[in-house]
Amino acid sequence: MPRAQQSEQEVESMRARLSEAALVLYRSDGLLSLSFRRIAEVLGISHTLPYRYFDNKEALVARMRADALGRFESYVRDYETRAHEPLEKVYSIAMGYLAFAREHAEDYMLIFASQQPAPEQYPQVLAARRRVFDHVVEGVQRCVDAGLLAVDAREFSHHVWVALHGLLSLHTADQLVHGMRLEEIIKPLLERLLGSARTKN
């Protein structure tokens, strides 16, 4: 008897379910321990079923990374709503970035792992990355439009991203060993970056 054709919604629902189960396993045991068989055992399904939805583990990890990026974006946007003025919103976006990396370190490391396929290989990952970054650019552009910052919004967003990512990479690797903690560095760093870009009155 031929297998019943699934709707796009049903396929997406199962992919999301597999990704979430895989993320739970990854957070507890790491990426190397992840396998379709283990995921199937957790979900109580046939160990061959995940192959109907993902060609291989790399494709599943790409979906996990895209889902983690979606949560990252939601986290950053939530922090942004806590502020009202354009510059405060940019600061809040940065603090949301910081909070996500501290509170969800495993997801942060999955998103920014040094060894992963080129984003272009998995369009959903590239699109998720661009949504997060473009949101930062939009926040900076609002400050430029309001006459608060004198910068190219995309270039400046790259500067902020590189600075924050470098700091958080050191933090997650437990390499802030020179006498200052993350909490002591982040605020002066942001103030210096924003202060250097302010419009001169």
Protein backbone atom coordinates (compact mmCIF):
# COMPACT_ATOMS: atom_id res chain seq x y z
CA MET A 1 0.00 0.00 0.00
CA PRO A 2 1.57 3.36 -0.98
CA ARG A 3 2.51 5.77 1.78
CA ALA A 4 0.03 8.62 2.26
CA GLN A 5 1.31 11.94 0.95
CA GLN A 6 2.02 14.41 3.74
CA SER A 7 1.08 18.06 3.57
CA GLU A 8 3.78 20.73 3.79
CA GLN A 9 2.47 21.59 7.25
CA GLU A 10 2.84 17.99 8.42
CA VAL A 11 6.36 17.77 7.02
CA GLU A 12 7.33 21.05 8.69
CA SER A 13 5.78 19.95 11.98
CA MET A 14 7.86 16.75 12.04
CA ARG A 15 11.05 18.60 11.05
CA ALA A 16 10.49 21.05 13.89
CA ARG A 17 9.84 18.16 16.29
CA LEU A 18 13.03 16.36 15.24
CA SER A 19 15.04 19.57 15.51
CA GLU A 20 13.76 20.33 19.01
CA ALA A 21 14.52 16.80 20.22
CA ALA A 22 17.98 17.05 18.67
CA LEU A 23 18.60 20.39 20.38
CA VAL A 24 17.68 18.91 23.76
CA LEU A 25 20.15 16.04 23.23
CA TYR A 26 22.84 18.41 21.95
CA ARG A 27 22.49 20.69 24.98
CA SER A 28 22.95 17.80 27.38
CA ASP A 29 25.50 15.62 25.58
CA GLY A 30 27.09 17.64 22.79
CA LEU A 31 26.95 17.49 19.02
CA LEU A 32 29.19 14.45 18.56
CA SER A 33 26.80 12.24 20.53
CA LEU A 34 23.86 13.22 18.33
CA SER A 35 22.46 10.55 15.98
CA PHE A 36 19.19 9.85 14.19
CA ARG A 37 18.85 6.65 16.23
CA ARG A 38 19.08 8.51 19.55
CA ILE A 39 16.58 11.11 18.42
CA ALA A 40 14.19 8.37 17.31
CA GLU A 41 14.52 6.66 20.68
CA VAL A 42 13.70 9.88 22.51
CA LEU A 43 10.64 10.50 20.35
CA GLY A 44 9.53 6.88 20.30
CA ILE A 45 9.56 6.60 16.52
CA SER A 46 11.22 4.31 13.99
CA HIS A 47 14.96 4.90 13.74
CA THR A 48 14.59 5.24 9.95
CA LEU A 49 11.87 7.90 10.09
CA PRO A 50 14.24 10.94 10.52
CA TYR A 51 15.76 10.10 7.13
CA ARG A 52 12.44 10.93 5.51
CA TYR A 53 12.84 14.53 6.69
CA PHE A 54 16.61 15.13 6.65
CA ASP A 55 19.12 13.69 4.20
CA ASN A 56 21.81 13.40 6.84
CA LYS A 57 22.98 14.69 10.21
CA GLU A 58 24.51 17.82 8.67
CA ALA A 59 21.12 18.81 7.27
CA LEU A 60 19.51 18.26 10.67
CA VAL A 61 22.18 20.35 12.40
CA ALA A 62 21.56 23.14 9.87
CA ARG A 63 17.89 23.09 10.86
CA MET A 64 18.88 23.13 14.54
CA ARG A 65 21.12 26.12 13.86
CA ALA A 66 18.34 27.96 12.03
CA ASP A 67 15.92 27.27 14.90
CA ALA A 68 18.49 28.49 17.43
CA LEU A 69 18.95 31.65 15.38
CA GLY A 70 15.19 32.19 15.43
CA ARG A 71 15.21 32.04 19.23
CA PHE A 72 18.23 34.33 19.27
CA GLU A 73 16.38 36.89 17.15
CA SER A 74 13.29 36.71 19.37
CA TYR A 75 15.47 37.19 22.44
CA VAL A 76 17.17 40.26 20.99
CA ARG A 77 13.86 41.77 19.85
CA ASP A 78 12.39 41.24 23.31
CA TYR A 79 15.27 43.14 24.89
CA GLU A 80 14.84 45.95 22.40
CA THR A 81 11.23 46.50 23.51
CA ARG A 82 12.49 47.38 26.98
CA ALA A 83 13.88 50.67 25.67
CA HIS A 84 12.20 53.65 24.03
CA GLU A 85 14.82 56.03 22.62
CA PRO A 86 16.79 54.99 19.48
CA LEU A 87 20.21 54.85 21.19
CA GLU A 88 18.75 53.01 24.17
CA LYS A 89 17.27 50.48 21.78
CA VAL A 90 20.66 49.80 20.19
CA TYR A 91 22.14 49.35 23.65
CA SER A 92 19.30 47.01 24.58
CA ILE A 93 19.83 44.95 21.43
CA ALA A 94 23.46 44.51 22.43
CA MET A 95 22.47 43.53 25.96
CA GLY A 96 20.02 41.00 24.54
CA TYR A 97 22.87 39.53 22.52
CA LEU A 98 24.92 39.30 25.70
CA ALA A 99 22.12 37.79 27.77
CA PHE A 100 21.37 35.12 25.16
CA ALA A 101 25.00 34.04 25.01
CA ARG A 102 25.19 33.80 28.79
CA GLU A 103 21.85 32.11 29.41
CA HIS A 104 21.86 29.85 26.34
CA ALA A 105 25.56 29.20 25.86
CA GLU A 106 25.08 25.88 24.05
CA ASP A 107 22.78 27.46 21.46
CA TYR A 108 25.15 30.40 21.04
CA MET A 109 28.07 28.05 20.42
CA LEU A 110 26.00 26.05 17.93
CA ILE A 111 25.12 29.21 16.00
CA PHE A 112 28.69 30.49 15.88
CA ALA A 113 30.63 27.21 15.77
CA SER A 114 33.91 27.71 13.93
CA GLN A 115 33.50 24.47 11.99
CA GLN A 116 30.25 24.44 10.01
CA PRO A 117 29.20 24.42 6.36
CA ALA A 118 29.20 27.69 4.46
CA PRO A 119 25.89 29.46 5.17
CA GLU A 120 25.14 29.53 1.44
CA GLN A 121 24.90 25.74 1.52
CA TYR A 122 21.82 25.97 3.74
CA PRO A 123 19.67 28.95 2.71
CA GLN A 124 17.50 28.78 5.85
CA VAL A 125 20.57 29.33 8.02
CA LEU A 126 21.80 32.21 5.88
CA ALA A 127 18.34 33.83 5.93
CA ALA A 128 18.13 33.48 9.72
CA ARG A 129 21.57 35.04 10.15
CA ARG A 130 20.66 37.94 7.90
CA ARG A 131 17.41 38.61 9.76
CA VAL A 132 19.28 39.02 13.05
CA PHE A 133 21.99 41.23 11.59
CA ASP A 134 19.65 43.34 9.47
CA HIS A 135 17.60 44.03 12.58
CA VAL A 136 20.69 45.50 14.22
CA VAL A 137 21.38 47.59 11.11
CA GLU A 138 17.81 48.93 11.22
CA GLY A 139 18.28 49.96 14.85
CA VAL A 140 21.51 51.79 14.07
CA GLN A 141 19.93 53.41 11.00
CA ARG A 142 17.15 54.86 13.18
CA CYS A 143 19.85 56.55 15.24
CA VAL A 144 21.50 57.90 12.10
CA ASP A 145 18.16 59.20 10.80
CA ALA A 146 17.51 60.88 14.14
CA GLY A 147 20.88 62.68 13.93
CA LEU A 148 22.29 60.79 16.92
CA LEU A 149 25.02 58.81 15.17
CA ALA A 150 27.25 59.84 12.28
CA VAL A 151 28.11 56.45 10.77
CA ASP A 152 27.33 54.09 7.95
CA ALA A 153 24.75 51.88 9.69
CA ARG A 154 25.83 48.55 8.18
CA GLU A 155 29.55 49.19 8.67
CA PHE A 156 29.04 50.27 12.27
CA SER A 157 26.83 47.24 12.95
CA HIS A 158 29.70 45.06 11.77
CA HIS A 159 32.02 46.80 14.22
CA VAL A 160 29.63 46.22 17.11
CA TRP A 161 29.02 42.61 16.08
CA VAL A 162 32.74 41.82 15.82
CA ALA A 163 33.45 43.41 19.21
CA LEU A 164 30.61 41.62 20.98
CA HIS A 165 31.25 38.29 19.32
CA GLY A 166 34.95 38.44 20.16
CA LEU A 167 34.18 39.23 23.78
CA LEU A 168 31.52 36.54 24.09
CA SER A 169 33.71 33.94 22.36
CA LEU A 170 36.38 34.57 24.98
CA HIS A 171 33.75 34.36 27.71
CA THR A 172 32.20 31.09 26.54
CA ALA A 173 35.70 29.59 26.17
CA ASP A 174 36.48 30.69 29.74
CA GLN A 175 39.39 32.77 28.46
CA LEU A 176 38.68 36.11 30.18
CA VAL A 177 41.66 35.55 32.46
CA HIS A 178 43.29 38.98 32.62
CA GLY A 179 41.56 40.44 35.65
CA MET A 180 38.24 41.71 34.28
CA ARG A 181 34.94 39.86 34.08
CA LEU A 182 32.43 40.08 31.26
CA GLU A 183 30.13 42.28 33.35
CA GLU A 184 32.95 44.76 33.89
CA ILE A 185 33.89 44.95 30.22
CA ILE A 186 30.61 45.03 28.35
CA LYS A 187 29.20 48.39 29.42
CA PRO A 188 32.39 50.45 28.87
CA LEU A 189 32.89 48.67 25.53
CA LEU A 190 29.41 49.60 24.31
CA GLU A 191 29.70 53.15 25.61
CA ARG A 192 33.02 53.58 23.81
CA LEU A 193 31.67 52.20 20.54
CA LEU A 194 28.53 54.33 20.67
CA GLY A 195 30.37 57.36 21.98
CA SER A 196 32.86 57.29 19.11
CA ALA A 197 29.98 57.27 16.63
CA ARG A 198 27.90 60.05 18.15
CA THR A 199 27.17 63.15 16.13
CA LYS A 200 29.43 66.01 17.11
CA ASN A 201 27.34 69.00 18.20
